[in-house]
């Protein structure tokens, strides 16, 4: 999931270009999307989501194993907490 958000971030300019072309043709959905996606809030949320989802994916992969070791789960939860606290500190939330 984190990789898909990172792909949106990498292709953000192209995405806005395509949506703006549709908006110029009068597509109301494209007009609304363009208004929302050009705000700084969405850019910040995409970056935050990419960071959080990357950390969550690591724990998710640990939990999906057939031979789950609770010591690894505990370590994964601590790493997730550490990563999220780091994200909060870094982004000044």
Protein backbone atom coordinates (compact mmCIF):
# COMPACT_ATOMS: atom_id res chain seq x y z
CA UNK A 1 0.00 0.00 0.00
CA UNK A 2 2.81 2.41 0.81
CA UNK A 3 4.31 1.76 -2.61
CA UNK A 4 1.09 2.74 -4.36
CA UNK A 5 0.99 6.05 -2.48
CA UNK A 6 4.65 6.62 -3.36
CA UNK A 7 3.75 5.98 -7.01
CA UNK A 8 1.07 8.68 -6.81
CA UNK A 9 3.65 11.07 -5.33
CA UNK A 10 6.16 10.28 -8.11
CA UNK A 11 3.50 10.78 -10.81
CA UNK A 12 1.70 13.70 -9.15
CA UNK A 13 2.54 16.26 -11.85
CA UNK A 14 1.35 13.93 -14.63
CA UNK A 15 -1.81 13.13 -12.67
CA UNK A 16 -2.59 16.84 -12.27
CA UNK A 17 -1.93 17.44 -15.97
CA UNK A 18 -4.41 14.76 -17.04
CA UNK A 19 -7.04 15.92 -14.55
CA UNK A 20 -6.60 19.57 -15.61
CA UNK A 21 -7.13 18.60 -19.26
CA UNK A 22 -10.41 16.91 -18.30
CA UNK A 23 -11.35 19.93 -16.18
CA UNK A 24 -10.79 22.24 -19.16
CA UNK A 25 -13.34 20.16 -21.06
CA UNK A 26 -15.88 20.89 -18.34
CA UNK A 27 -15.83 17.55 -16.53
CA UNK A 28 -17.28 18.41 -13.08
CA UNK A 29 -15.54 15.50 -11.37
CA UNK A 30 -12.18 16.57 -12.78
CA UNK A 31 -12.83 20.18 -11.72
CA UNK A 32 -13.53 19.08 -8.14
CA UNK A 33 -10.53 16.75 -8.04
CA UNK A 34 -8.25 19.44 -9.41
CA UNK A 35 -9.38 21.92 -6.75
CA UNK A 36 -8.69 19.41 -3.99
CA UNK A 37 -5.45 17.92 -5.31
CA UNK A 38 -3.80 21.30 -5.89
CA UNK A 39 -4.12 22.23 -2.22
CA UNK A 40 -1.09 21.76 0.04
CA UNK A 41 -3.16 19.60 2.37
CA UNK A 42 -3.37 16.72 -0.10
CA UNK A 43 0.33 16.85 -0.87
CA UNK A 44 1.14 16.67 2.83
CA UNK A 45 -1.36 13.85 3.38
CA UNK A 46 0.11 11.79 0.54
CA UNK A 47 3.59 12.08 2.04
CA UNK A 48 2.34 11.28 5.53
CA UNK A 49 0.35 8.29 4.26
CA UNK A 50 3.40 6.95 2.41
CA UNK A 51 5.48 7.10 5.60
CA UNK A 52 2.81 5.53 7.82
CA UNK A 53 1.82 2.81 5.35
CA UNK A 54 5.44 1.78 4.84
CA UNK A 55 5.77 1.22 8.59
CA UNK A 56 2.41 -0.60 8.82
CA UNK A 57 3.26 -2.86 5.86
CA UNK A 58 6.30 -4.24 7.67
CA UNK A 59 4.21 -5.31 10.66
CA UNK A 60 1.48 -6.64 8.37
CA UNK A 61 3.96 -8.91 6.57
CA UNK A 62 5.15 -10.25 9.93
CA UNK A 63 1.57 -11.04 10.99
CA UNK A 64 0.80 -12.84 7.71
CA UNK A 65 3.46 -15.50 8.16
CA UNK A 66 2.23 -19.02 8.84
CA UNK A 67 4.67 -19.44 11.72
CA UNK A 68 4.08 -16.18 13.59
CA UNK A 69 6.49 -15.71 16.47
CA UNK A 70 5.08 -13.39 19.12
CA UNK A 71 8.56 -12.09 19.89
CA UNK A 72 8.76 -10.84 16.29
CA UNK A 73 5.25 -9.37 16.56
CA UNK A 74 6.22 -7.55 19.75
CA UNK A 75 9.36 -6.22 18.09
CA UNK A 76 7.34 -5.22 15.02
CA UNK A 77 4.82 -3.32 17.15
CA UNK A 78 7.61 -1.48 18.95
CA UNK A 79 9.25 -0.59 15.62
CA UNK A 80 5.90 0.63 14.30
CA UNK A 81 5.39 2.80 17.38
CA UNK A 82 8.92 4.17 17.04
CA UNK A 83 8.38 4.94 13.35
CA UNK A 84 5.04 6.65 13.95
CA UNK A 85 6.45 8.73 16.82
CA UNK A 86 9.35 9.67 14.53
CA UNK A 87 6.92 10.71 11.80
CA UNK A 88 4.89 12.77 14.27
CA UNK A 89 8.04 14.45 15.59
CA UNK A 90 9.47 15.05 12.09
CA UNK A 91 6.23 16.56 10.77
CA UNK A 92 5.56 18.56 13.98
CA UNK A 93 2.11 17.12 14.66
